């Protein structure tokens, strides 16, 4: 039998389901702390008397949008002629800008990988042997065993020749350059289907 006593319980259940749906929706919209940080290269060196946070806040106030980059920390590139210094905002602390004086990792094409000052940063993966090309893979003397960093602008099509260890021969790999900062870019190739 259906009685009036069941009606309040059903109403409470519906309200609980609505409430839980709202809670799930709110948490689903929160940014994931694993999102990439926003960073930029300061336009001048910080004086030893300056506070890092204040220095970066002042630098940010004059930075152009095109000078702000959002990449994983392992994809931060800096020009070889600049000191390894950045200002960075992590997504889990969006109101806290930090001054980061790191070190230069591998450099190629006048660009270097930025190595953060943290001791918790793992070593980079092994580098491929490669060289940039516009035609074929005959210029093997240009090959380097370093990260694939090219000069250009986000989204440009590029070709490299990469050494295939199993055959000891070079093959052309076509892709795009992305994660660019000050003309220094990482090369990304479409993933081959693994069958």
C-alpha atoms as a PDB file:
ATOM      1  CA  UNK A   1       0.000   0.000   0.000  1.00  0.00           C
ATOM      2  CA  UNK A   2       1.136   3.520  -0.748  1.00  0.00           C
ATOM      3  CA  UNK A   3       0.601   5.825   2.189  1.00  0.00           C
ATOM      4  CA  UNK A   4       1.358   9.436   2.943  1.00  0.00           C
ATOM      5  CA  UNK A   5       4.250   8.298   5.158  1.00  0.00           C
ATOM      6  CA  UNK A   6       6.208   7.231   2.068  1.00  0.00           C
ATOM      7  CA  UNK A   7       5.815  10.605   0.357  1.00  0.00           C
ATOM      8  CA  UNK A   8       8.249  12.537   2.645  1.00  0.00           C
ATOM      9  CA  UNK A   9      10.860   9.759   2.323  1.00  0.00           C
ATOM     10  CA  UNK A  10      10.570   9.880  -1.476  1.00  0.00           C
ATOM     11  CA  UNK A  11      10.850  13.675  -1.377  1.00  0.00           C
ATOM     12  CA  UNK A  12      13.970  13.472   0.825  1.00  0.00           C
ATOM     13  CA  UNK A  13      15.518  10.931  -1.527  1.00  0.00           C
ATOM     14  CA  UNK A  14      14.918  13.159  -4.554  1.00  0.00           C
ATOM     15  CA  UNK A  15      16.385  16.162  -2.715  1.00  0.00           C
ATOM     16  CA  UNK A  16      19.428  14.098  -1.738  1.00  0.00           C
ATOM     17  CA  UNK A  17      19.962  12.984  -5.353  1.00  0.00           C
ATOM     18  CA  UNK A  18      19.663  16.590  -6.589  1.00  0.00           C
ATOM     19  CA  UNK A  19      22.137  17.736  -3.933  1.00  0.00           C
ATOM     20  CA  UNK A  20      24.640  14.980  -4.805  1.00  0.00           C
ATOM     21  CA  UNK A  21      24.322  15.828  -8.517  1.00  0.00           C
ATOM     22  CA  UNK A  22      25.148  19.461  -7.765  1.00  0.00           C
ATOM     23  CA  UNK A  23      28.153  18.470  -5.634  1.00  0.00           C
ATOM     24  CA  UNK A  24      29.473  16.248  -8.423  1.00  0.00           C
ATOM     25  CA  UNK A  25      28.960  19.037 -10.985  1.00  0.00           C
ATOM     26  CA  UNK A  26      30.845  21.565  -8.844  1.00  0.00           C
ATOM     27  CA  UNK A  27      33.795  19.238  -8.266  1.00  0.00           C
ATOM     28  CA  UNK A  28      33.892  18.259 -11.937  1.00  0.00           C
ATOM     29  CA  UNK A  29      34.447  21.921 -12.857  1.00  0.00           C
ATOM     30  CA  UNK A  30      37.356  22.481 -10.458  1.00  0.00           C
ATOM     31  CA  UNK A  31      40.660  22.730 -12.298  1.00  0.00           C
ATOM     32  CA  UNK A  32      42.838  19.676 -11.989  1.00  0.00           C
ATOM     33  CA  UNK A  33      46.029  20.542 -10.040  1.00  0.00           C
ATOM     34  CA  UNK A  34      47.957  18.571 -12.651  1.00  0.00           C
ATOM     35  CA  UNK A  35      47.166  21.220 -15.281  1.00  0.00           C
ATOM     36  CA  UNK A  36      50.187  22.988 -16.707  1.00  0.00           C
ATOM     37  CA  UNK A  37      51.597  26.069 -14.987  1.00  0.00           C
ATOM     38  CA  UNK A  38      51.757  29.500 -16.615  1.00  0.00           C
ATOM     39  CA  UNK A  39      55.254  30.962 -16.901  1.00  0.00           C
ATOM     40  CA  UNK A  40      57.313  33.659 -18.599  1.00  0.00           C
ATOM     41  CA  UNK A  41      60.909  34.748 -19.018  1.00  0.00           C
ATOM     42  CA  UNK A  42      61.687  38.012 -17.155  1.00  0.00           C
ATOM     43  CA  UNK A  43      62.929  40.931 -19.259  1.00  0.00           C
ATOM     44  CA  UNK A  44      65.774  41.706 -16.861  1.00  0.00           C
ATOM     45  CA  UNK A  45      67.818  40.029 -14.175  1.00  0.00           C
ATOM     46  CA  UNK A  46      66.604  40.226 -10.585  1.00  0.00           C
ATOM     47  CA  UNK A  47      68.819  42.231  -8.250  1.00  0.00           C
ATOM     48  CA  UNK A  48      69.994  40.313  -5.191  1.00  0.00           C
ATOM     49  CA  UNK A  49      68.193  42.875  -3.021  1.00  0.00           C
ATOM     50  CA  UNK A  50      64.818  42.212  -4.716  1.00  0.00           C
ATOM     51  CA  UNK A  51      62.218  39.801  -3.383  1.00  0.00           C
ATOM     52  CA  UNK A  52      61.448  37.096  -6.000  1.00  0.00           C
ATOM     53  CA  UNK A  53      57.671  37.348  -5.724  1.00  0.00           C
ATOM     54  CA  UNK A  54      57.643  41.173  -5.966  1.00  0.00           C
ATOM     55  CA  UNK A  55      60.086  41.019  -8.877  1.00  0.00           C
ATOM     56  CA  UNK A  56      57.835  38.575 -10.762  1.00  0.00           C
ATOM     57  CA  UNK A  57      54.666  40.545  -9.966  1.00  0.00           C
ATOM     58  CA  UNK A  58      56.276  43.691 -11.427  1.00  0.00           C
ATOM     59  CA  UNK A  59      57.478  41.772 -14.486  1.00  0.00           C
ATOM     60  CA  UNK A  60      54.011  40.242 -14.996  1.00  0.00           C
ATOM     61  CA  UNK A  61      52.400  43.703 -14.922  1.00  0.00           C
ATOM     62  CA  UNK A  62      54.307  44.652 -18.097  1.00  0.00           C
ATOM     63  CA  UNK A  63      54.311  41.253 -19.848  1.00  0.00           C
ATOM     64  CA  UNK A  64      52.406  40.847 -23.111  1.00  0.00           C
ATOM     65  CA  UNK A  65      49.962  37.935 -23.468  1.00  0.00           C
ATOM     66  CA  UNK A  66      52.252  36.473 -26.151  1.00  0.00           C
ATOM     67  CA  UNK A  67      55.042  36.258 -23.550  1.00  0.00           C
ATOM     68  CA  UNK A  68      52.966  34.066 -21.205  1.00  0.00           C
ATOM     69  CA  UNK A  69      53.340  30.340 -21.816  1.00  0.00           C
ATOM     70  CA  UNK A  70      51.468  27.338 -20.490  1.00  0.00           C
ATOM     71  CA  UNK A  71      53.356  24.055 -20.694  1.00  0.00           C
ATOM     72  CA  UNK A  72      54.368  21.215 -18.434  1.00  0.00           C
ATOM     73  CA  UNK A  73      57.462  22.073 -16.400  1.00  0.00           C
ATOM     74  CA  UNK A  74      59.410  19.513 -18.446  1.00  0.00           C
ATOM     75  CA  UNK A  75      58.589  21.523 -21.607  1.00  0.00           C
ATOM     76  CA  UNK A  76      59.925  24.920 -20.494  1.00  0.00           C
ATOM     77  CA  UNK A  77      62.426  26.182 -23.064  1.00  0.00           C
ATOM     78  CA  UNK A  78      64.662  29.237 -22.791  1.00  0.00           C
ATOM     79  CA  UNK A  79      66.996  30.918 -25.284  1.00  0.00           C
ATOM     80  CA  UNK A  80      70.608  29.814 -24.798  1.00  0.00           C
ATOM     81  CA  UNK A  81      71.802  33.429 -24.423  1.00  0.00           C
ATOM     82  CA  UNK A  82      69.559  34.096 -21.388  1.00  0.00           C
ATOM     83  CA  UNK A  83      70.056  33.003 -17.784  1.00  0.00           C
ATOM     84  CA  UNK A  84      67.927  30.022 -16.677  1.00  0.00           C
ATOM     85  CA  UNK A  85      65.329  32.098 -14.821  1.00  0.00           C
ATOM     86  CA  UNK A  86      61.533  32.142 -15.085  1.00  0.00           C
ATOM     87  CA  UNK A  87      58.521  33.446 -13.197  1.00  0.00           C
ATOM     88  CA  UNK A  88      55.869  30.764 -12.770  1.00  0.00           C
ATOM     89  CA  UNK A  89      52.316  30.330 -11.452  1.00  0.00           C
ATOM     90  CA  UNK A  90      51.180  26.813 -10.628  1.00  0.00           C
ATOM     91  CA  UNK A  91      47.481  25.962 -11.115  1.00  0.00           C
ATOM     92  CA  UNK A  92      47.105  24.712  -7.544  1.00  0.00           C
ATOM     93  CA  UNK A  93      48.236  28.153  -6.266  1.00  0.00           C
ATOM     94  CA  UNK A  94      46.837  30.588  -8.861  1.00  0.00           C
ATOM     95  CA  UNK A  95      47.466  33.681  -6.716  1.00  0.00           C
ATOM     96  CA  UNK A  96      51.102  32.881  -5.966  1.00  0.00           C
ATOM     97  CA  UNK A  97      53.726  33.816  -8.544  1.00  0.00           C
ATOM     98  CA  UNK A  98      57.183  32.356  -7.942  1.00  0.00           C
ATOM     99  CA  UNK A  99      60.674  33.251  -9.059  1.00  0.00           C
ATOM    100  CA  UNK A 100      62.511  30.208 -10.360  1.00  0.00           C
ATOM    101  CA  UNK A 101      66.271  30.249 -10.867  1.00  0.00           C
ATOM    102  CA  UNK A 102      67.069  26.869 -12.369  1.00  0.00           C
ATOM    103  CA  UNK A 103      69.806  25.475 -14.568  1.00  0.00           C
ATOM    104  CA  UNK A 104      70.163  24.849 -18.271  1.00  0.00           C
ATOM    105  CA  UNK A 105      69.654  21.302 -19.443  1.00  0.00           C
ATOM    106  CA  UNK A 106      70.571  20.220 -22.972  1.00  0.00           C
ATOM    107  CA  UNK A 107      70.879  23.020 -25.540  1.00  0.00           C
ATOM    108  CA  UNK A 108      70.389  22.789 -29.294  1.00  0.00           C
ATOM    109  CA  UNK A 109      69.564  25.376 -32.000  1.00  0.00           C
ATOM    110  CA  UNK A 110      70.356  28.224 -29.546  1.00  0.00           C
ATOM    111  CA  UNK A 111      67.643  26.969 -27.161  1.00  0.00           C
ATOM    112  CA  UNK A 112      67.884  25.104 -23.863  1.00  0.00           C
ATOM    113  CA  UNK A 113      65.666  22.942 -21.709  1.00  0.00           C
ATOM    114  CA  UNK A 114      65.002  24.705 -18.390  1.00  0.00           C
ATOM    115  CA  UNK A 115      65.742  22.521 -15.374  1.00  0.00           C
ATOM    116  CA  UNK A 116      63.719  23.715 -12.347  1.00  0.00           C
ATOM    117  CA  UNK A 117      65.458  24.299  -9.012  1.00  0.00           C
ATOM    118  CA  UNK A 118      63.525  21.453  -7.358  1.00  0.00           C
ATOM    119  CA  UNK A 119      65.392  18.342  -6.235  1.00  0.00           C
ATOM    120  CA  UNK A 120      62.321  16.219  -7.081  1.00  0.00           C
ATOM    121  CA  UNK A 121      62.624  16.599 -10.848  1.00  0.00           C
ATOM    122  CA  UNK A 122      63.354  13.250 -12.533  1.00  0.00           C
ATOM    123  CA  UNK A 123      66.097  12.922 -15.089  1.00  0.00           C
ATOM    124  CA  UNK A 124      64.971  13.522 -18.649  1.00  0.00           C
ATOM    125  CA  UNK A 125      64.381  10.516 -20.918  1.00  0.00           C
ATOM    126  CA  UNK A 126      67.140   9.435 -23.331  1.00  0.00           C
ATOM    127  CA  UNK A 127      67.461  11.713 -26.344  1.00  0.00           C
ATOM    128  CA  UNK A 128      67.072  10.583 -29.939  1.00  0.00           C
ATOM    129  CA  UNK A 129      69.711  11.127 -32.619  1.00  0.00           C
ATOM    130  CA  UNK A 130      68.250  13.482 -35.224  1.00  0.00           C
ATOM    131  CA  UNK A 131      68.654  16.513 -37.482  1.00  0.00           C
ATOM    132  CA  UNK A 132      66.287  18.973 -39.116  1.00  0.00           C
ATOM    133  CA  UNK A 133      65.699  18.688 -42.871  1.00  0.00           C
ATOM    134  CA  UNK A 134      63.669  20.254 -45.646  1.00  0.00           C
ATOM    135  CA  UNK A 135      64.302  17.481 -48.150  1.00  0.00           C
ATOM    136  CA  UNK A 136      65.913  14.115 -47.369  1.00  0.00           C
ATOM    137  CA  UNK A 137      68.144  12.430 -44.796  1.00  0.00           C
ATOM    138  CA  UNK A 138      71.469  12.746 -46.622  1.00  0.00           C
ATOM    139  CA  UNK A 139      73.017  15.301 -44.205  1.00  0.00           C
ATOM    140  CA  UNK A 140      73.886  12.780 -41.473  1.00  0.00           C
ATOM    141  CA  UNK A 141      76.796  14.963 -40.335  1.00  0.00           C
ATOM    142  CA  UNK A 142      74.276  17.425 -38.848  1.00  0.00           C
ATOM    143  CA  UNK A 143      72.901  14.799 -36.441  1.00  0.00           C
ATOM    144  CA  UNK A 144      72.842  15.447 -32.705  1.00  0.00           C
ATOM    145  CA  UNK A 145      71.761  13.300 -29.771  1.00  0.00           C
ATOM    146  CA  UNK A 146      69.759  15.899 -27.878  1.00  0.00           C
ATOM    147  CA  UNK A 147      66.122  16.893 -27.269  1.00  0.00           C
ATOM    148  CA  UNK A 148      64.313  17.790 -30.492  1.00  0.00           C
ATOM    149  CA  UNK A 149      64.165  21.577 -30.134  1.00  0.00           C
ATOM    150  CA  UNK A 150      63.610  23.668 -33.246  1.00  0.00           C
ATOM    151  CA  UNK A 151      63.345  27.392 -33.977  1.00  0.00           C
ATOM    152  CA  UNK A 152      59.968  28.712 -35.146  1.00  0.00           C
ATOM    153  CA  UNK A 153      56.408  29.461 -34.084  1.00  0.00           C
ATOM    154  CA  UNK A 154      53.623  27.320 -32.613  1.00  0.00           C
ATOM    155  CA  UNK A 155      51.916  25.119 -35.178  1.00  0.00           C
ATOM    156  CA  UNK A 156      54.566  25.259 -37.922  1.00  0.00           C
ATOM    157  CA  UNK A 157      55.066  22.083 -39.939  1.00  0.00           C
ATOM    158  CA  UNK A 158      58.625  20.717 -39.690  1.00  0.00           C
ATOM    159  CA  UNK A 159      60.579  17.641 -40.782  1.00  0.00           C
ATOM    160  CA  UNK A 160      63.403  15.880 -39.037  1.00  0.00           C
ATOM    161  CA  UNK A 161      65.469  12.831 -39.803  1.00  0.00           C
ATOM    162  CA  UNK A 162      65.597  10.476 -36.828  1.00  0.00           C
ATOM    163  CA  UNK A 163      67.976   7.561 -36.408  1.00  0.00           C
ATOM    164  CA  UNK A 164      66.231   4.191 -36.244  1.00  0.00           C
ATOM    165  CA  UNK A 165      68.553   2.137 -34.045  1.00  0.00           C
ATOM    166  CA  UNK A 166      67.331  -1.239 -35.330  1.00  0.00           C
ATOM    167  CA  UNK A 167      68.312  -0.377 -38.920  1.00  0.00           C
ATOM    168  CA  UNK A 168      71.079   2.197 -38.214  1.00  0.00           C
ATOM    169  CA  UNK A 169      69.415   4.372 -40.844  1.00  0.00           C
ATOM    170  CA  UNK A 170      67.621   7.706 -40.704  1.00  0.00           C
ATOM    171  CA  UNK A 171      63.950   8.114 -41.523  1.00  0.00           C
ATOM    172  CA  UNK A 172      61.997  11.299 -42.209  1.00  0.00           C
ATOM    173  CA  UNK A 173      59.515  12.212 -39.498  1.00  0.00           C
ATOM    174  CA  UNK A 174      56.981  14.955 -40.201  1.00  0.00           C
ATOM    175  CA  UNK A 175      55.313  16.867 -37.416  1.00  0.00           C
ATOM    176  CA  UNK A 176      54.611  20.239 -35.873  1.00  0.00           C
ATOM    177  CA  UNK A 177      56.460  22.450 -33.457  1.00  0.00           C
ATOM    178  CA  UNK A 178      54.554  23.393 -30.307  1.00  0.00           C
ATOM    179  CA  UNK A 179      55.174  24.671 -26.765  1.00  0.00           C
ATOM    180  CA  UNK A 180      57.151  27.582 -28.260  1.00  0.00           C
ATOM    181  CA  UNK A 181      58.735  30.289 -26.104  1.00  0.00           C
ATOM    182  CA  UNK A 182      60.914  33.058 -27.536  1.00  0.00           C
ATOM    183  CA  UNK A 183      61.171  31.108 -30.801  1.00  0.00           C
ATOM    184  CA  UNK A 184      62.306  27.886 -29.088  1.00  0.00           C
ATOM    185  CA  UNK A 185      59.910  25.005 -29.780  1.00  0.00           C
ATOM    186  CA  UNK A 186      59.485  21.296 -29.163  1.00  0.00           C
ATOM    187  CA  UNK A 187      58.858  18.965 -32.098  1.00  0.00           C
ATOM    188  CA  UNK A 188      55.816  16.704 -31.942  1.00  0.00           C
ATOM    189  CA  UNK A 189      55.071  13.949 -34.454  1.00  0.00           C
ATOM    190  CA  UNK A 190      51.772  12.108 -34.761  1.00  0.00           C
ATOM    191  CA  UNK A 191      51.831   8.790 -32.923  1.00  0.00           C
ATOM    192  CA  UNK A 192      52.286   5.794 -35.188  1.00  0.00           C
ATOM    193  CA  UNK A 193      49.750   3.001 -34.821  1.00  0.00           C
ATOM    194  CA  UNK A 194      51.257   0.159 -32.836  1.00  0.00           C
ATOM    195  CA  UNK A 195      50.005  -3.108 -34.308  1.00  0.00           C
END
